[in-house]
Amino acid sequence: MTKNQKLTTLYIVRHAQTQANVRELLQGQSDSPLTKEGRIQIKNLKKELRNIHFDAFFSSDLLRARRTAEIIALERKMAVITTKALRERNFGRLEGKKYEIFSTELKHLSEKYQRLSRKEKLKFRFVNDMESDEEILMRFITFLREISVAYAGKTLLIVTHGSMIRTLLIHLGFWSYDDFIVIPNTAYVKLASDGVDFFIKGVEGVKKTPNEPKIRRRI
């Protein structure tokens, strides 16, 4: 980064709760409507972010992310730019299955995964038609770099999905693959970027384990 280069500020948010979230289903690139609780979550997030000026709104083109972004953007009278680059991981034939499949039918693969190196985990797929961490990182980071250059010095809100945020945090070294990271609905990460590198400025609402209190950490 050059001395006078302006950093772009990125607020990267997970979408609000859906019916599939309540049923503990792997949604992937399938979709599910927001719940009443999900709309309350968005209302609370709007309050939290009310004093922040956003220059543009982006979201995954999947309904749950797009609706989350649209509700936040509505009062500001701003449009939401959607893109497939922000979509959730494609889970292939696992979409629609219960989360528990990783500890039941796929337990042997989960155990194998735990023994892999970081490099091997990046390329690992539980089934051959799902996206690997390496694949989702490639499309996610490429998009974040592009908008950081196009909107240099601006503040952007980006609504995406849990796997995307979790994998990005591991990639940036905030946590490791050994940590059990939970990204609750409407939790978010604040980054700064020069279009090449990313600097974590805050993590709001993310948890390391399902029972751990939500983390609110500003850096």
C-alpha atoms as a PDB file:
ATOM      1  CA  MET A   1       0.000   0.000   0.000  1.00  0.00           C
ATOM      2  CA  THR A   2       1.365   3.410  -0.930  1.00  0.00           C
ATOM      3  CA  LYS A   3       1.482   6.171   1.677  1.00  0.00           C
ATOM      4  CA  ASN A   4      -1.362   8.225   0.154  1.00  0.00           C
ATOM      5  CA  GLN A   5      -3.553   5.303  -0.939  1.00  0.00           C
ATOM      6  CA  LYS A   6      -7.078   5.405   0.457  1.00  0.00           C
ATOM      7  CA  LEU A   7      -8.402   2.338   2.253  1.00  0.00           C
ATOM      8  CA  THR A   8     -11.889   1.077   1.536  1.00  0.00           C
ATOM      9  CA  THR A   9     -13.950   0.056   4.571  1.00  0.00           C
ATOM     10  CA  LEU A  10     -15.947  -3.151   4.205  1.00  0.00           C
ATOM     11  CA  TYR A  11     -18.739  -4.244   6.551  1.00  0.00           C
ATOM     12  CA  ILE A  12     -19.295  -7.918   5.723  1.00  0.00           C
ATOM     13  CA  VAL A  13     -22.568  -9.203   7.209  1.00  0.00           C
ATOM     14  CA  ARG A  14     -24.160 -12.623   7.398  1.00  0.00           C
ATOM     15  CA  HIS A  15     -27.813 -12.648   6.269  1.00  0.00           C
ATOM     16  CA  ALA A  16     -30.669 -12.791   8.801  1.00  0.00           C
ATOM     17  CA  GLN A  17     -32.261 -15.990  10.070  1.00  0.00           C
ATOM     18  CA  THR A  18     -34.209 -18.176   7.647  1.00  0.00           C
ATOM     19  CA  GLN A  19     -36.637 -21.053   8.077  1.00  0.00           C
ATOM     20  CA  ALA A  20     -33.896 -23.455   6.988  1.00  0.00           C
ATOM     21  CA  ASN A  21     -31.586 -22.062   9.688  1.00  0.00           C
ATOM     22  CA  VAL A  22     -34.224 -22.880  12.310  1.00  0.00           C
ATOM     23  CA  ARG A  23     -34.511 -26.417  10.922  1.00  0.00           C
ATOM     24  CA  GLU A  24     -30.694 -26.739  10.930  1.00  0.00           C
ATOM     25  CA  LEU A  25     -30.500 -27.489   7.224  1.00  0.00           C
ATOM     26  CA  LEU A  26     -27.562 -26.925   4.899  1.00  0.00           C
ATOM     27  CA  GLN A  27     -28.942 -24.263   2.559  1.00  0.00           C
ATOM     28  CA  GLY A  28     -25.985 -23.747   0.272  1.00  0.00           C
ATOM     29  CA  GLN A  29     -27.188 -22.125  -2.934  1.00  0.00           C
ATOM     30  CA  SER A  30     -30.786 -23.205  -2.357  1.00  0.00           C
ATOM     31  CA  ASP A  31     -32.972 -20.654  -0.619  1.00  0.00           C
ATOM     32  CA  SER A  32     -35.389 -20.215   2.245  1.00  0.00           C
ATOM     33  CA  PRO A  33     -37.561 -17.285   3.456  1.00  0.00           C
ATOM     34  CA  LEU A  34     -36.557 -15.051   6.345  1.00  0.00           C
ATOM     35  CA  THR A  35     -38.278 -15.724   9.670  1.00  0.00           C
ATOM     36  CA  LYS A  36     -39.968 -13.219  11.965  1.00  0.00           C
ATOM     37  CA  GLU A  37     -36.870 -13.437  14.171  1.00  0.00           C
ATOM     38  CA  GLY A  38     -34.748 -12.744  11.099  1.00  0.00           C
ATOM     39  CA  ARG A  39     -36.591  -9.478  10.496  1.00  0.00           C
ATOM     40  CA  ILE A  40     -36.057  -8.507  14.129  1.00  0.00           C
ATOM     41  CA  GLN A  41     -32.346  -9.221  13.682  1.00  0.00           C
ATOM     42  CA  ILE A  42     -32.247  -6.885  10.684  1.00  0.00           C
ATOM     43  CA  LYS A  43     -34.067  -4.177  12.655  1.00  0.00           C
ATOM     44  CA  ASN A  44     -31.462  -4.449  15.427  1.00  0.00           C
ATOM     45  CA  LEU A  45     -28.605  -4.378  12.930  1.00  0.00           C
ATOM     46  CA  LYS A  46     -30.061  -1.259  11.300  1.00  0.00           C
ATOM     47  CA  LYS A  47     -29.992   0.455  14.691  1.00  0.00           C
ATOM     48  CA  GLU A  48     -26.409  -0.596  15.298  1.00  0.00           C
ATOM     49  CA  LEU A  49     -25.250   0.720  11.936  1.00  0.00           C
ATOM     50  CA  ARG A  50     -27.491   3.807  11.798  1.00  0.00           C
ATOM     51  CA  ASN A  51     -24.665   6.315  12.256  1.00  0.00           C
ATOM     52  CA  ILE A  52     -22.451   4.811   9.567  1.00  0.00           C
ATOM     53  CA  HIS A  53     -22.586   6.326   6.097  1.00  0.00           C
ATOM     54  CA  PHE A  54     -22.497   3.651   3.393  1.00  0.00           C
ATOM     55  CA  ASP A  55     -21.569   4.585  -0.155  1.00  0.00           C
ATOM     56  CA  ALA A  56     -22.867   1.350  -1.693  1.00  0.00           C
ATOM     57  CA  PHE A  57     -24.650  -1.880  -0.793  1.00  0.00           C
ATOM     58  CA  PHE A  58     -23.761  -5.302  -2.195  1.00  0.00           C
ATOM     59  CA  SER A  59     -25.209  -8.743  -1.551  1.00  0.00           C
ATOM     60  CA  SER A  60     -25.299 -12.312  -2.701  1.00  0.00           C
ATOM     61  CA  ASP A  61     -28.058 -12.795  -5.262  1.00  0.00           C
ATOM     62  CA  LEU A  62     -29.665 -15.443  -3.047  1.00  0.00           C
ATOM     63  CA  LEU A  63     -32.978 -14.248  -1.602  1.00  0.00           C
ATOM     64  CA  ARG A  64     -32.018 -14.419   2.097  1.00  0.00           C
ATOM     65  CA  ALA A  65     -28.991 -12.170   1.610  1.00  0.00           C
ATOM     66  CA  ARG A  66     -30.660  -9.837  -0.887  1.00  0.00           C
ATOM     67  CA  ARG A  67     -33.675  -9.244   1.381  1.00  0.00           C
ATOM     68  CA  THR A  68     -31.396  -8.573   4.358  1.00  0.00           C
ATOM     69  CA  ALA A  69     -29.478  -5.959   2.363  1.00  0.00           C
ATOM     70  CA  GLU A  70     -32.611  -4.424   0.822  1.00  0.00           C
ATOM     71  CA  ILE A  71     -34.291  -3.877   4.197  1.00  0.00           C
ATOM     72  CA  ILE A  72     -31.186  -2.114   5.537  1.00  0.00           C
ATOM     73  CA  ALA A  73     -30.777  -0.032   2.363  1.00  0.00           C
ATOM     74  CA  LEU A  74     -34.461   0.934   2.058  1.00  0.00           C
ATOM     75  CA  GLU A  75     -34.489   3.798   4.576  1.00  0.00           C
ATOM     76  CA  ARG A  76     -31.330   5.160   2.989  1.00  0.00           C
ATOM     77  CA  LYS A  77     -33.037   5.076  -0.416  1.00  0.00           C
ATOM     78  CA  MET A  78     -30.175   3.116  -1.937  1.00  0.00           C
ATOM     79  CA  ALA A  79     -30.169   0.202  -4.364  1.00  0.00           C
ATOM     80  CA  VAL A  80     -28.502  -3.138  -3.654  1.00  0.00           C
ATOM     81  CA  ILE A  81     -26.061  -4.551  -6.200  1.00  0.00           C
ATOM     82  CA  THR A  82     -26.289  -8.355  -6.266  1.00  0.00           C
ATOM     83  CA  THR A  83     -23.701 -10.834  -7.444  1.00  0.00           C
ATOM     84  CA  LYS A  84     -23.161 -14.598  -7.602  1.00  0.00           C
ATOM     85  CA  ALA A  85     -19.631 -14.027  -6.284  1.00  0.00           C
ATOM     86  CA  LEU A  86     -21.087 -13.545  -2.782  1.00  0.00           C
ATOM     87  CA  ARG A  87     -23.208 -16.706  -2.834  1.00  0.00           C
ATOM     88  CA  GLU A  88     -22.954 -19.321  -0.109  1.00  0.00           C
ATOM     89  CA  ARG A  89     -20.811 -22.370  -0.741  1.00  0.00           C
ATOM     90  CA  ASN A  90     -22.369 -24.844  -3.151  1.00  0.00           C
ATOM     91  CA  PHE A  91     -22.865 -27.933  -0.968  1.00  0.00           C
ATOM     92  CA  GLY A  92     -23.850 -30.071  -3.928  1.00  0.00           C
ATOM     93  CA  ARG A  93     -25.986 -33.069  -3.030  1.00  0.00           C
ATOM     94  CA  LEU A  94     -25.695 -32.192   0.675  1.00  0.00           C
ATOM     95  CA  GLU A  95     -28.012 -29.187   0.253  1.00  0.00           C
ATOM     96  CA  GLY A  96     -31.207 -29.652   2.223  1.00  0.00           C
ATOM     97  CA  LYS A  97     -29.573 -32.164   4.588  1.00  0.00           C
ATOM     98  CA  LYS A  98     -29.352 -31.637   8.356  1.00  0.00           C
ATOM     99  CA  TYR A  99     -26.109 -30.238   9.783  1.00  0.00           C
ATOM    100  CA  GLU A 100     -25.838 -33.411  11.839  1.00  0.00           C
ATOM    101  CA  ILE A 101     -24.929 -35.386   8.722  1.00  0.00           C
ATOM    102  CA  PHE A 102     -21.289 -34.452   9.389  1.00  0.00           C
ATOM    103  CA  SER A 103     -21.384 -36.325  12.699  1.00  0.00           C
ATOM    104  CA  THR A 104     -23.461 -39.262  11.436  1.00  0.00           C
ATOM    105  CA  GLU A 105     -23.281 -40.425   7.806  1.00  0.00           C
ATOM    106  CA  LEU A 106     -20.141 -38.397   7.093  1.00  0.00           C
ATOM    107  CA  LYS A 107     -18.455 -38.917  10.465  1.00  0.00           C
ATOM    108  CA  HIS A 108     -15.573 -40.853   8.873  1.00  0.00           C
ATOM    109  CA  LEU A 109     -14.898 -37.930   6.531  1.00  0.00           C
ATOM    110  CA  SER A 110     -15.145 -35.408   9.371  1.00  0.00           C
ATOM    111  CA  GLU A 111     -12.515 -37.379  11.272  1.00  0.00           C
ATOM    112  CA  LYS A 112     -10.324 -37.530   8.173  1.00  0.00           C
ATOM    113  CA  TYR A 113     -10.723 -33.772   7.698  1.00  0.00           C
ATOM    114  CA  GLN A 114      -9.475 -33.074  11.232  1.00  0.00           C
ATOM    115  CA  ARG A 115      -6.214 -34.891  10.468  1.00  0.00           C
ATOM    116  CA  LEU A 116      -5.470 -32.892   7.320  1.00  0.00           C
ATOM    117  CA  SER A 117      -2.950 -30.062   7.007  1.00  0.00           C
ATOM    118  CA  ARG A 118      -4.167 -26.509   6.430  1.00  0.00           C
ATOM    119  CA  LYS A 119      -3.284 -26.786   2.721  1.00  0.00           C
ATOM    120  CA  GLU A 120      -5.195 -30.056   2.402  1.00  0.00           C
ATOM    121  CA  LYS A 121      -8.245 -28.628   4.199  1.00  0.00           C
ATOM    122  CA  LEU A 122      -8.406 -25.789   1.676  1.00  0.00           C
ATOM    123  CA  LYS A 123      -8.915 -28.295  -1.139  1.00  0.00           C
ATOM    124  CA  PHE A 124     -11.071 -30.813   0.747  1.00  0.00           C
ATOM    125  CA  ARG A 125     -14.648 -31.666  -0.302  1.00  0.00           C
ATOM    126  CA  PHE A 126     -17.011 -33.849   1.709  1.00  0.00           C
ATOM    127  CA  VAL A 127     -18.712 -34.772  -1.573  1.00  0.00           C
ATOM    128  CA  ASN A 128     -17.335 -34.275  -5.050  1.00  0.00           C
ATOM    129  CA  ASP A 129     -19.979 -31.764  -6.181  1.00  0.00           C
ATOM    130  CA  MET A 130     -19.485 -29.247  -3.337  1.00  0.00           C
ATOM    131  CA  GLU A 131     -17.162 -26.236  -3.405  1.00  0.00           C
ATOM    132  CA  SER A 132     -13.905 -26.354  -1.472  1.00  0.00           C
ATOM    133  CA  ASP A 133     -12.664 -23.557   0.788  1.00  0.00           C
ATOM    134  CA  GLU A 134     -10.105 -22.702  -1.871  1.00  0.00           C
ATOM    135  CA  GLU A 135     -12.830 -22.218  -4.485  1.00  0.00           C
ATOM    136  CA  ILE A 136     -15.088 -20.008  -2.368  1.00  0.00           C
ATOM    137  CA  LEU A 137     -12.125 -17.933  -1.193  1.00  0.00           C
ATOM    138  CA  MET A 138     -11.034 -17.330  -4.768  1.00  0.00           C
ATOM    139  CA  ARG A 139     -14.373 -15.845  -5.843  1.00  0.00           C
ATOM    140  CA  PHE A 140     -14.944 -13.993  -2.569  1.00  0.00           C
ATOM    141  CA  ILE A 141     -11.524 -12.340  -2.293  1.00  0.00           C
ATOM    142  CA  THR A 142     -11.444 -11.491  -5.993  1.00  0.00           C
ATOM    143  CA  PHE A 143     -14.750  -9.640  -5.620  1.00  0.00           C
ATOM    144  CA  LEU A 144     -13.668  -7.839  -2.424  1.00  0.00           C
ATOM    145  CA  ARG A 145     -10.482  -6.657  -4.105  1.00  0.00           C
ATOM    146  CA  GLU A 146     -12.367  -5.426  -7.153  1.00  0.00           C
ATOM    147  CA  ILE A 147     -14.821  -3.307  -5.165  1.00  0.00           C
ATOM    148  CA  SER A 148     -12.039  -2.037  -2.875  1.00  0.00           C
ATOM    149  CA  VAL A 149     -10.328  -0.586  -5.935  1.00  0.00           C
ATOM    150  CA  ALA A 150     -13.522   0.648  -7.609  1.00  0.00           C
ATOM    151  CA  TYR A 151     -14.734   2.318  -4.393  1.00  0.00           C
ATOM    152  CA  ALA A 152     -11.375   3.421  -2.981  1.00  0.00           C
ATOM    153  CA  GLY A 153     -11.773   5.350   0.256  1.00  0.00           C
ATOM    154  CA  LYS A 154     -15.494   4.562   0.484  1.00  0.00           C
ATOM    155  CA  THR A 155     -17.511   2.569   3.048  1.00  0.00           C
ATOM    156  CA  LEU A 156     -19.424  -0.456   1.742  1.00  0.00           C
ATOM    157  CA  LEU A 157     -21.922  -2.902   3.215  1.00  0.00           C
ATOM    158  CA  ILE A 158     -21.780  -6.457   1.891  1.00  0.00           C
ATOM    159  CA  VAL A 159     -24.304  -9.162   2.818  1.00  0.00           C
ATOM    160  CA  THR A 160     -23.129 -12.716   2.295  1.00  0.00           C
ATOM    161  CA  HIS A 161     -23.180 -16.101   4.055  1.00  0.00           C
ATOM    162  CA  GLY A 162     -21.724 -17.951   7.020  1.00  0.00           C
ATOM    163  CA  SER A 163     -19.239 -20.205   5.239  1.00  0.00           C
ATOM    164  CA  MET A 164     -17.863 -17.257   3.315  1.00  0.00           C
ATOM    165  CA  ILE A 165     -17.158 -15.185   6.429  1.00  0.00           C
ATOM    166  CA  ARG A 166     -15.779 -18.103   8.432  1.00  0.00           C
ATOM    167  CA  THR A 167     -13.372 -19.135   5.679  1.00  0.00           C
ATOM    168  CA  LEU A 168     -12.259 -15.528   5.144  1.00  0.00           C
ATOM    169  CA  LEU A 169     -11.464 -15.084   8.859  1.00  0.00           C
ATOM    170  CA  ILE A 170      -9.358 -18.249   8.827  1.00  0.00           C
ATOM    171  CA  HIS A 171      -7.583 -17.132   5.655  1.00  0.00           C
ATOM    172  CA  LEU A 172      -6.752 -13.778   7.261  1.00  0.00           C
ATOM    173  CA  GLY A 173      -5.303 -15.534  10.299  1.00  0.00           C
ATOM    174  CA  PHE A 174      -7.896 -14.263  12.766  1.00  0.00           C
ATOM    175  CA  TRP A 175      -8.628 -17.869  13.727  1.00  0.00           C
ATOM    176  CA  SER A 176      -7.438 -21.275  12.624  1.00  0.00           C
ATOM    177  CA  TYR A 177      -9.077 -24.420  11.298  1.00  0.00           C
ATOM    178  CA  ASP A 178      -8.765 -25.848  14.825  1.00  0.00           C
ATOM    179  CA  ASP A 179     -11.249 -23.266  16.140  1.00  0.00           C
ATOM    180  CA  PHE A 180     -14.960 -24.096  16.021  1.00  0.00           C
ATOM    181  CA  ILE A 181     -16.252 -20.807  14.643  1.00  0.00           C
ATOM    182  CA  VAL A 182     -19.947 -19.914  14.537  1.00  0.00           C
ATOM    183  CA  ILE A 183     -21.126 -16.940  12.486  1.00  0.00           C
ATOM    184  CA  PRO A 184     -24.611 -16.100  13.848  1.00  0.00           C
ATOM    185  CA  ASN A 185     -27.175 -14.415  11.634  1.00  0.00           C
ATOM    186  CA  THR A 186     -26.414 -10.680  11.145  1.00  0.00           C
ATOM    187  CA  ALA A 187     -22.977 -10.979  12.779  1.00  0.00           C
ATOM    188  CA  TYR A 188     -20.408  -8.998  10.828  1.00  0.00           C
ATOM    189  CA  VAL A 189     -16.737  -8.308  10.211  1.00  0.00           C
ATOM    190  CA  LYS A 190     -15.267  -4.875   9.529  1.00  0.00           C
ATOM    191  CA  LEU A 191     -12.272  -4.838   7.175  1.00  0.00           C
ATOM    192  CA  ALA A 192     -10.123  -2.196   5.522  1.00  0.00           C
ATOM    193  CA  SER A 193      -8.548  -2.919   2.143  1.00  0.00           C
ATOM    194  CA  ASP A 194      -6.280  -1.246  -0.362  1.00  0.00           C
ATOM    195  CA  GLY A 195      -7.413  -3.627  -3.089  1.00  0.00           C
ATOM    196  CA  VAL A 196      -4.691  -6.159  -2.332  1.00  0.00           C
ATOM    197  CA  ASP A 197      -4.411  -6.696   1.416  1.00  0.00           C
ATOM    198  CA  PHE A 198      -7.118  -6.868   4.080  1.00  0.00           C
ATOM    199  CA  PHE A 199      -6.890  -5.519   7.614  1.00  0.00           C
ATOM    200  CA  ILE A 200      -9.383  -6.665  10.261  1.00  0.00           C
ATOM    201  CA  LYS A 201     -10.803  -3.674  12.142  1.00  0.00           C
ATOM    202  CA  GLY A 202     -13.587  -5.348  14.068  1.00  0.00           C
ATOM    203  CA  VAL A 203     -15.551  -8.563  14.587  1.00  0.00           C
ATOM    204  CA  GLU A 204     -19.093  -8.255  15.913  1.00  0.00           C
ATOM    205  CA  GLY A 205     -21.249 -11.129  17.141  1.00  0.00           C
ATOM    206  CA  VAL A 206     -19.017 -14.003  15.970  1.00  0.00           C
ATOM    207  CA  LYS A 207     -18.555 -16.967  18.349  1.00  0.00           C
ATOM    208  CA  LYS A 208     -15.778 -19.536  18.623  1.00  0.00           C
ATOM    209  CA  THR A 209     -18.092 -22.279  19.913  1.00  0.00           C
ATOM    210  CA  PRO A 210     -21.881 -22.619  19.892  1.00  0.00           C
ATOM    211  CA  ASN A 211     -22.139 -21.926  23.652  1.00  0.00           C
ATOM    212  CA  GLU A 212     -19.586 -19.107  23.892  1.00  0.00           C
ATOM    213  CA  PRO A 213     -20.843 -15.520  24.360  1.00  0.00           C
ATOM    214  CA  LYS A 214     -20.766 -13.462  21.171  1.00  0.00           C
ATOM    215  CA  ILE A 215     -17.487 -11.681  20.513  1.00  0.00           C
ATOM    216  CA  ARG A 216     -17.434  -7.923  20.074  1.00  0.00           C
ATOM    217  CA  ARG A 217     -13.866  -7.040  19.234  1.00  0.00           C
ATOM    218  CA  ARG A 218     -12.599  -3.840  17.678  1.00  0.00           C
ATOM    219  CA  ILE A 219      -8.984  -3.531  16.604  1.00  0.00           C
END
